Amino acid sequence: MEIVPSNQTFKDNITLWVLLDTQLKTINEKTKKMREKKSELSEHICKYITDNNIKNKIKIKDGEHLAEIRMYDKKEYSALTFGYIETCLKKIIHDEEQVDYVIEFLRENREITSSPDIRKTIEK
């Protein structure tokens, strides 16, 4: 036997969902600002380390733990987009129709999943 939620339970679920959605939005905005500030500080710290030719690791106390800060070269890869794939394929396949065929094949054969969800839109 299937249990059907009452109208009140449904309303309570909607209210809770909206509350959580709003809280997540706030947290995500704060997280974004924190990441931006951390990135800005990292740039300043790296510049200072470089300008002052600091070779040693910097020892700090992180709460109860001892930690080290050191500068390193971080590798960042660009996104694997269809535009990038197309550019690369054109370098190895000189027949543009073949490149177009491969790109179209990849686009059409991506795995797509679908699931029901809800979204909040703000009325203006």
C-alpha atoms as a PDB file:
ATOM      1  CA  MET A   1       0.000   0.000   0.000  1.00  0.00           C
ATOM      2  CA  GLU A   2       1.401   3.398  -1.052  1.00  0.00           C
ATOM      3  CA  ILE A   3       1.424   6.214   1.492  1.00  0.00           C
ATOM      4  CA  VAL A   4       0.149   9.449  -0.018  1.00  0.00           C
ATOM      5  CA  PRO A   5       1.458  12.550   1.735  1.00  0.00           C
ATOM      6  CA  SER A   6      -1.138  14.937   3.075  1.00  0.00           C
ATOM      7  CA  ASN A   7      -1.673  18.382   1.624  1.00  0.00           C
ATOM      8  CA  GLN A   8      -0.011  19.872   4.719  1.00  0.00           C
ATOM      9  CA  THR A   9       3.043  17.628   4.329  1.00  0.00           C
ATOM     10  CA  PHE A  10       3.302  18.724   0.703  1.00  0.00           C
ATOM     11  CA  LYS A  11       3.155  22.398   1.724  1.00  0.00           C
ATOM     12  CA  ASP A  12       5.727  21.803   4.475  1.00  0.00           C
ATOM     13  CA  ASN A  13       8.027  20.106   1.964  1.00  0.00           C
ATOM     14  CA  ILE A  14       7.719  23.062  -0.420  1.00  0.00           C
ATOM     15  CA  THR A  15       8.438  25.535   2.393  1.00  0.00           C
ATOM     16  CA  LEU A  16      11.492  23.545   3.497  1.00  0.00           C
ATOM     17  CA  TRP A  17      12.708  23.197  -0.099  1.00  0.00           C
ATOM     18  CA  VAL A  18      12.484  26.983  -0.639  1.00  0.00           C
ATOM     19  CA  LEU A  19      14.320  27.619   2.628  1.00  0.00           C
ATOM     20  CA  LEU A  20      17.120  25.205   1.694  1.00  0.00           C
ATOM     21  CA  ASP A  21      17.322  26.632  -1.832  1.00  0.00           C
ATOM     22  CA  THR A  22      17.709  30.152  -0.432  1.00  0.00           C
ATOM     23  CA  GLN A  23      20.316  29.045   2.107  1.00  0.00           C
ATOM     24  CA  LEU A  24      22.317  27.214  -0.569  1.00  0.00           C
ATOM     25  CA  LYS A  25      22.264  30.291  -2.782  1.00  0.00           C
ATOM     26  CA  THR A  26      23.603  32.397   0.097  1.00  0.00           C
ATOM     27  CA  ILE A  27      26.302  29.832   0.912  1.00  0.00           C
ATOM     28  CA  ASN A  28      27.335  29.583  -2.752  1.00  0.00           C
ATOM     29  CA  GLU A  29      27.618  33.376  -3.015  1.00  0.00           C
ATOM     30  CA  LYS A  30      29.765  33.499   0.147  1.00  0.00           C
ATOM     31  CA  THR A  31      31.893  30.603  -1.120  1.00  0.00           C
ATOM     32  CA  LYS A  32      32.464  32.399  -4.422  1.00  0.00           C
ATOM     33  CA  LYS A  33      33.587  35.561  -2.613  1.00  0.00           C
ATOM     34  CA  MET A  34      35.884  33.533  -0.345  1.00  0.00           C
ATOM     35  CA  ARG A  35      37.453  31.779  -3.364  1.00  0.00           C
ATOM     36  CA  GLU A  36      38.016  35.130  -5.078  1.00  0.00           C
ATOM     37  CA  LYS A  37      39.646  36.577  -1.942  1.00  0.00           C
ATOM     38  CA  LYS A  38      41.799  33.457  -1.473  1.00  0.00           C
ATOM     39  CA  SER A  39      42.919  33.670  -5.106  1.00  0.00           C
ATOM     40  CA  GLU A  40      43.780  37.356  -4.701  1.00  0.00           C
ATOM     41  CA  LEU A  41      45.780  36.603  -1.534  1.00  0.00           C
ATOM     42  CA  SER A  42      47.564  33.715  -3.289  1.00  0.00           C
ATOM     43  CA  GLU A  43      48.667  36.086  -6.044  1.00  0.00           C
ATOM     44  CA  HIS A  44      50.040  38.587  -3.505  1.00  0.00           C
ATOM     45  CA  ILE A  45      51.811  35.858  -1.499  1.00  0.00           C
ATOM     46  CA  CYS A  46      53.360  34.303  -4.640  1.00  0.00           C
ATOM     47  CA  LYS A  47      54.535  37.721  -5.812  1.00  0.00           C
ATOM     48  CA  TYR A  48      56.139  38.392  -2.414  1.00  0.00           C
ATOM     49  CA  ILE A  49      57.828  34.953  -2.404  1.00  0.00           C
ATOM     50  CA  THR A  50      59.139  35.534  -5.947  1.00  0.00           C
ATOM     51  CA  ASP A  51      60.219  39.153  -5.356  1.00  0.00           C
ATOM     52  CA  ASN A  52      62.061  38.183  -2.168  1.00  0.00           C
ATOM     53  CA  ASN A  53      63.523  34.955  -3.582  1.00  0.00           C
ATOM     54  CA  ILE A  54      62.156  32.860  -0.709  1.00  0.00           C
ATOM     55  CA  LYS A  55      63.148  29.226  -1.217  1.00  0.00           C
ATOM     56  CA  ASN A  56      62.083  27.711   2.104  1.00  0.00           C
ATOM     57  CA  LYS A  57      58.673  26.394   3.001  1.00  0.00           C
ATOM     58  CA  ILE A  58      56.752  28.686   5.341  1.00  0.00           C
ATOM     59  CA  LYS A  59      55.759  26.894   8.542  1.00  0.00           C
ATOM     60  CA  ILE A  60      52.465  27.902  10.143  1.00  0.00           C
ATOM     61  CA  LYS A  61      50.110  26.667  12.816  1.00  0.00           C
ATOM     62  CA  ASP A  62      46.738  25.767  11.296  1.00  0.00           C
ATOM     63  CA  GLY A  63      44.521  25.509  14.358  1.00  0.00           C
ATOM     64  CA  GLU A  64      45.942  22.555  16.272  1.00  0.00           C
ATOM     65  CA  HIS A  65      48.132  21.294  13.428  1.00  0.00           C
ATOM     66  CA  LEU A  66      51.467  22.370  12.051  1.00  0.00           C
ATOM     67  CA  ALA A  67      51.418  23.033   8.320  1.00  0.00           C
ATOM     68  CA  GLU A  68      53.657  24.317   5.553  1.00  0.00           C
ATOM     69  CA  ILE A  69      52.988  26.745   2.766  1.00  0.00           C
ATOM     70  CA  ARG A  70      55.067  26.520  -0.364  1.00  0.00           C
ATOM     71  CA  MET A  71      54.792  27.911  -3.856  1.00  0.00           C
ATOM     72  CA  TYR A  72      54.504  25.560  -6.821  1.00  0.00           C
ATOM     73  CA  ASP A  73      53.624  25.753 -10.504  1.00  0.00           C
ATOM     74  CA  LYS A  74      49.990  24.731 -10.886  1.00  0.00           C
ATOM     75  CA  LYS A  75      48.971  23.294 -14.233  1.00  0.00           C
ATOM     76  CA  GLU A  76      45.531  24.232 -15.470  1.00  0.00           C
ATOM     77  CA  TYR A  77      44.025  22.534 -18.471  1.00  0.00           C
ATOM     78  CA  SER A  78      41.510  24.237 -20.689  1.00  0.00           C
ATOM     79  CA  ALA A  79      38.044  22.715 -20.927  1.00  0.00           C
ATOM     80  CA  LEU A  80      37.555  19.856 -23.355  1.00  0.00           C
ATOM     81  CA  THR A  81      35.004  21.628 -25.563  1.00  0.00           C
ATOM     82  CA  PHE A  82      33.708  20.783 -29.017  1.00  0.00           C
ATOM     83  CA  GLY A  83      35.519  23.869 -30.326  1.00  0.00           C
ATOM     84  CA  TYR A  84      38.830  22.626 -28.916  1.00  0.00           C
ATOM     85  CA  ILE A  85      38.260  19.101 -30.251  1.00  0.00           C
ATOM     86  CA  GLU A  86      37.393  20.506 -33.682  1.00  0.00           C
ATOM     87  CA  THR A  87      40.556  22.649 -33.737  1.00  0.00           C
ATOM     88  CA  CYS A  88      42.708  19.645 -32.827  1.00  0.00           C
ATOM     89  CA  LEU A  89      41.024  17.368 -35.356  1.00  0.00           C
ATOM     90  CA  LYS A  90      41.630  19.929 -38.122  1.00  0.00           C
ATOM     91  CA  LYS A  91      45.345  19.677 -37.368  1.00  0.00           C
ATOM     92  CA  ILE A  92      45.400  15.920 -37.988  1.00  0.00           C
ATOM     93  CA  ILE A  93      42.503  15.445 -40.439  1.00  0.00           C
ATOM     94  CA  HIS A  94      42.704  17.738 -43.438  1.00  0.00           C
ATOM     95  CA  ASP A  95      39.306  16.790 -44.854  1.00  0.00           C
ATOM     96  CA  GLU A  96      36.925  19.339 -43.277  1.00  0.00           C
ATOM     97  CA  GLU A  97      33.893  17.169 -44.038  1.00  0.00           C
ATOM     98  CA  GLN A  98      35.415  14.333 -41.990  1.00  0.00           C
ATOM     99  CA  VAL A  99      36.053  16.713 -39.089  1.00  0.00           C
ATOM    100  CA  ASP A 100      32.469  17.990 -39.286  1.00  0.00           C
ATOM    101  CA  TYR A 101      31.219  14.396 -39.368  1.00  0.00           C
ATOM    102  CA  VAL A 102      33.189  13.441 -36.243  1.00  0.00           C
ATOM    103  CA  ILE A 103      32.089  16.554 -34.314  1.00  0.00           C
ATOM    104  CA  GLU A 104      28.446  16.003 -35.265  1.00  0.00           C
ATOM    105  CA  PHE A 105      28.727  12.324 -34.322  1.00  0.00           C
ATOM    106  CA  LEU A 106      30.126  13.239 -30.904  1.00  0.00           C
ATOM    107  CA  ARG A 107      27.400  15.838 -30.301  1.00  0.00           C
ATOM    108  CA  GLU A 108      24.570  13.515 -31.296  1.00  0.00           C
ATOM    109  CA  ASN A 109      25.860  10.504 -29.355  1.00  0.00           C
ATOM    110  CA  ARG A 110      26.508  12.077 -25.975  1.00  0.00           C
ATOM    111  CA  GLU A 111      24.814  10.248 -23.154  1.00  0.00           C
ATOM    112  CA  ILE A 112      21.837  12.203 -21.898  1.00  0.00           C
ATOM    113  CA  THR A 113      20.070  11.443 -18.669  1.00  0.00           C
ATOM    114  CA  SER A 114      16.817  12.969 -17.599  1.00  0.00           C
ATOM    115  CA  SER A 115      15.272  13.159 -14.167  1.00  0.00           C
ATOM    116  CA  PRO A 116      12.456  15.237 -12.719  1.00  0.00           C
ATOM    117  CA  ASP A 117      13.468  18.236 -10.655  1.00  0.00           C
ATOM    118  CA  ILE A 118      12.039  21.555  -9.513  1.00  0.00           C
ATOM    119  CA  ARG A 119      13.348  25.077  -9.981  1.00  0.00           C
ATOM    120  CA  LYS A 120      12.510  28.359  -8.324  1.00  0.00           C
ATOM    121  CA  THR A 121      12.130  31.445 -10.498  1.00  0.00           C
ATOM    122  CA  ILE A 122      11.799  34.915  -9.060  1.00  0.00           C
ATOM    123  CA  GLU A 123       8.907  36.963 -10.413  1.00  0.00           C
ATOM    124  CA  LYS A 124       9.794  40.484 -11.479  1.00  0.00           C
END
